[in-house]
Amino acid sequence: MNDEDLVKNYVELWKQTIAVQQHFNDIAWRIRQLALTALTFALGAAAVAAKDRTTIQLGGLEIQLSTTILIFGIIVWGSFYFVDQVWYHKLLIGAVKHGETLERALALYLPESGLTQEISKASPSHIKIGLGRFTPTKRITLHSTNKLRIFYAAGGIAQLVVAIILQFSSKTPHVYPL
């Protein structure tokens, strides 16, 4: 195979790899959109249940219906995290690594190739943590995996905090024994 055919084959492989990266990235964003919809639904349904102060009797324990809804919301939120982080995010990373490998091979013939590598370099966020002159400031780097974890942790913690507040803030519950 001559160099021209080799480059054409590499470019075709690279195009397909970019298409796969776009596919997995699109799936990941759709998952996050659905997760945010589920989060909104859980918070809204909990607010409606909290307005009525409805509780569920489990043995001697009275649990706010709003709290129960948010606990289920946390479980659903966690399942979105699993599908996003543990499943599709890993596939996206694999596609990105493959794209970087192809771009290094292509660079021998097309030195300008390197889109995937440049995106990988630009992706990390650099954040300063600390209170300035009162505490030492530390600079941390967040890669895509940690950003994703923060996104899902924020949604889970928000639901948990609201569930705890709602559980302990009701004064006159309407009890429905199970």
Protein backbone atom coordinates (compact mmCIF):
# COMPACT_ATOMS: atom_id res chain seq x y z
CA MET A 1 0.00 0.00 0.00
CA ASN A 2 1.45 3.36 -0.99
CA ASP A 3 1.52 6.39 1.32
CA GLU A 4 -1.44 8.07 -0.37
CA ASP A 5 -3.68 5.04 0.15
CA LEU A 6 -2.44 4.67 3.70
CA VAL A 7 -3.32 8.30 4.50
CA LYS A 8 -6.78 7.89 2.92
CA ASN A 9 -7.39 4.82 5.09
CA TYR A 10 -6.20 6.62 8.23
CA VAL A 11 -8.42 9.61 7.44
CA GLU A 12 -11.42 7.32 6.91
CA LEU A 13 -10.71 5.56 10.23
CA TRP A 14 -10.33 8.95 11.91
CA LYS A 15 -13.68 10.18 10.48
CA GLN A 16 -15.44 7.09 11.81
CA THR A 17 -13.77 7.52 15.19
CA ILE A 18 -14.91 11.16 15.38
CA ALA A 19 -18.44 10.04 14.49
CA VAL A 20 -18.35 7.49 17.33
CA GLN A 21 -17.07 10.15 19.74
CA GLN A 22 -19.93 12.44 18.72
CA HIS A 23 -22.41 9.60 19.13
CA PHE A 24 -21.29 8.76 22.68
CA ASN A 25 -21.12 12.45 23.62
CA ASP A 26 -24.66 12.96 22.32
CA ILE A 27 -25.91 9.96 24.29
CA ALA A 28 -24.24 11.29 27.45
CA TRP A 29 -25.93 14.70 27.09
CA ARG A 30 -29.30 13.07 26.47
CA ILE A 31 -28.84 11.02 29.63
CA ARG A 32 -28.07 14.19 31.60
CA GLN A 33 -31.11 15.95 30.13
CA LEU A 34 -33.32 13.03 31.19
CA ALA A 35 -31.67 13.00 34.61
CA LEU A 36 -32.43 16.70 35.08
CA THR A 37 -36.02 16.08 33.99
CA ALA A 38 -36.30 13.27 36.57
CA LEU A 39 -34.73 15.53 39.22
CA THR A 40 -37.22 18.30 38.43
CA PHE A 41 -40.10 15.83 38.59
CA ALA A 42 -38.94 14.41 41.95
CA LEU A 43 -38.57 17.87 43.49
CA GLY A 44 -41.93 19.01 42.09
CA ALA A 45 -43.78 15.87 43.20
CA ALA A 46 -42.16 16.17 46.64
CA ALA A 47 -43.31 19.79 46.88
CA VAL A 48 -46.90 18.79 46.08
CA ALA A 49 -46.76 15.96 48.64
CA ALA A 50 -45.19 18.29 51.23
CA LYS A 51 -48.02 20.79 50.77
CA ASP A 52 -50.52 18.15 51.92
CA ARG A 53 -48.18 16.93 54.69
CA THR A 54 -49.04 13.35 53.83
CA THR A 55 -47.12 10.64 55.69
CA ILE A 56 -46.77 6.92 55.30
CA GLN A 57 -46.90 4.71 58.39
CA LEU A 58 -44.26 1.95 58.31
CA GLY A 59 -44.56 0.06 61.57
CA GLY A 60 -44.10 2.73 64.23
CA LEU A 61 -42.31 5.07 61.85
CA GLU A 62 -44.01 7.96 60.06
CA ILE A 63 -42.26 8.94 56.86
CA GLN A 64 -43.26 11.97 54.84
CA LEU A 65 -44.53 11.04 51.38
CA SER A 66 -42.37 13.89 50.06
CA THR A 67 -39.31 12.28 51.64
CA THR A 68 -40.21 8.92 50.12
CA ILE A 69 -40.57 10.51 46.69
CA LEU A 70 -37.13 12.12 47.02
CA ILE A 71 -35.55 8.86 48.17
CA PHE A 72 -36.89 7.23 45.02
CA GLY A 73 -35.63 10.28 43.12
CA ILE A 74 -32.14 9.69 44.52
CA ILE A 75 -32.30 6.06 43.40
CA VAL A 76 -33.36 7.09 39.89
CA TRP A 77 -30.67 9.83 39.88
CA GLY A 78 -28.11 7.17 40.84
CA SER A 79 -29.22 4.94 37.98
CA PHE A 80 -28.67 7.82 35.55
CA TYR A 81 -25.19 8.26 37.07
CA PHE A 82 -24.48 4.58 36.52
CA VAL A 83 -25.53 4.64 32.88
CA ASP A 84 -23.69 7.91 32.21
CA GLN A 85 -20.45 7.50 34.18
CA VAL A 86 -19.94 3.77 34.37
CA TRP A 87 -21.26 2.92 30.93
CA TYR A 88 -21.22 5.57 28.21
CA HIS A 89 -18.53 7.87 29.61
CA LYS A 90 -16.05 4.99 29.55
CA LEU A 91 -16.99 4.23 25.94
CA LEU A 92 -16.46 7.90 25.04
CA ILE A 93 -13.04 7.86 26.70
CA GLY A 94 -12.15 4.74 24.72
CA ALA A 95 -13.19 6.44 21.47
CA VAL A 96 -11.15 9.52 22.40
CA LYS A 97 -8.03 7.44 23.14
CA HIS A 98 -8.45 5.65 19.82
CA GLY A 99 -8.79 9.01 18.04
CA GLU A 100 -5.61 10.25 19.70
CA THR A 101 -3.75 7.13 18.53
CA LEU A 102 -4.96 7.62 14.96
CA GLU A 103 -4.00 11.30 15.06
CA ARG A 104 -0.45 10.46 16.17
CA ALA A 105 -0.16 8.07 13.21
CA LEU A 106 -1.67 10.64 10.84
CA ALA A 107 0.70 13.34 12.08
CA LEU A 108 3.51 11.63 10.19
CA TYR A 109 1.70 12.54 6.95
CA LEU A 110 -0.59 15.40 8.05
CA PRO A 111 1.13 17.36 10.84
CA GLU A 112 -1.97 19.52 11.37
CA SER A 113 -4.12 16.57 12.45
CA GLY A 114 -4.81 16.57 16.17
CA LEU A 115 -8.38 17.63 16.91
CA THR A 116 -9.01 14.92 19.49
CA GLN A 117 -5.68 15.60 21.18
CA GLU A 118 -6.39 19.34 21.36
CA ILE A 119 -9.86 18.77 22.82
CA SER A 120 -8.34 16.43 25.41
CA LYS A 121 -5.78 19.10 26.34
CA ALA A 122 -8.44 21.82 26.59
CA SER A 123 -10.96 19.75 28.56
CA PRO A 124 -9.55 19.91 32.11
CA SER A 125 -10.71 22.80 34.31
CA HIS A 126 -8.28 24.39 36.74
CA ILE A 127 -9.89 25.61 39.95
CA LYS A 128 -8.43 27.39 42.96
CA ILE A 129 -9.73 26.21 46.33
CA GLY A 130 -9.15 28.13 49.54
CA LEU A 131 -10.03 31.37 51.23
CA GLY A 132 -7.09 33.36 49.96
CA ARG A 133 -5.10 35.02 52.69
CA PHE A 134 -6.86 33.09 55.50
CA THR A 135 -6.02 29.61 54.25
CA PRO A 136 -3.61 28.25 51.70
CA THR A 137 -5.00 28.21 48.19
CA LYS A 138 -4.73 24.95 46.34
CA ARG A 139 -5.10 24.60 42.60
CA ILE A 140 -6.84 21.44 41.45
CA THR A 141 -7.47 20.07 37.99
CA LEU A 142 -10.85 18.58 37.18
CA HIS A 143 -11.02 16.16 34.28
CA SER A 144 -14.28 15.11 32.66
CA THR A 145 -14.80 12.15 35.00
CA ASN A 146 -14.59 14.34 38.11
CA LYS A 147 -16.83 16.99 36.54
CA LEU A 148 -19.42 14.30 35.91
CA ARG A 149 -19.15 13.06 39.48
CA ILE A 150 -19.66 16.61 40.80
CA PHE A 151 -22.75 17.03 38.60
CA TYR A 152 -24.37 13.87 39.92
CA ALA A 153 -23.23 14.46 43.51
CA ALA A 154 -24.84 17.93 43.44
CA GLY A 155 -28.18 16.54 42.27
CA GLY A 156 -28.09 13.70 44.79
CA ILE A 157 -27.09 15.93 47.69
CA ALA A 158 -29.78 18.48 46.79
CA GLN A 159 -32.46 15.78 46.91
CA LEU A 160 -31.10 14.36 50.15
CA VAL A 161 -31.01 17.76 51.88
CA VAL A 162 -34.55 18.59 50.76
CA ALA A 163 -35.75 15.12 51.85
CA ILE A 164 -34.27 15.60 55.34
CA ILE A 165 -35.76 19.09 55.65
CA LEU A 166 -39.18 17.89 54.55
CA GLN A 167 -39.08 14.86 56.83
CA PHE A 168 -38.49 16.95 59.94
CA SER A 169 -40.49 20.08 59.06
CA SER A 170 -44.07 18.76 58.89
CA LYS A 171 -46.33 19.54 61.86
CA THR A 172 -49.71 17.98 61.16
CA PRO A 173 -49.43 14.96 58.93
CA HIS A 174 -52.22 13.09 57.22
CA VAL A 175 -51.31 9.45 57.99
CA TYR A 176 -51.94 6.60 55.58
CA PRO A 177 -50.88 3.22 57.05
CA LEU A 178 -49.28 0.71 54.72
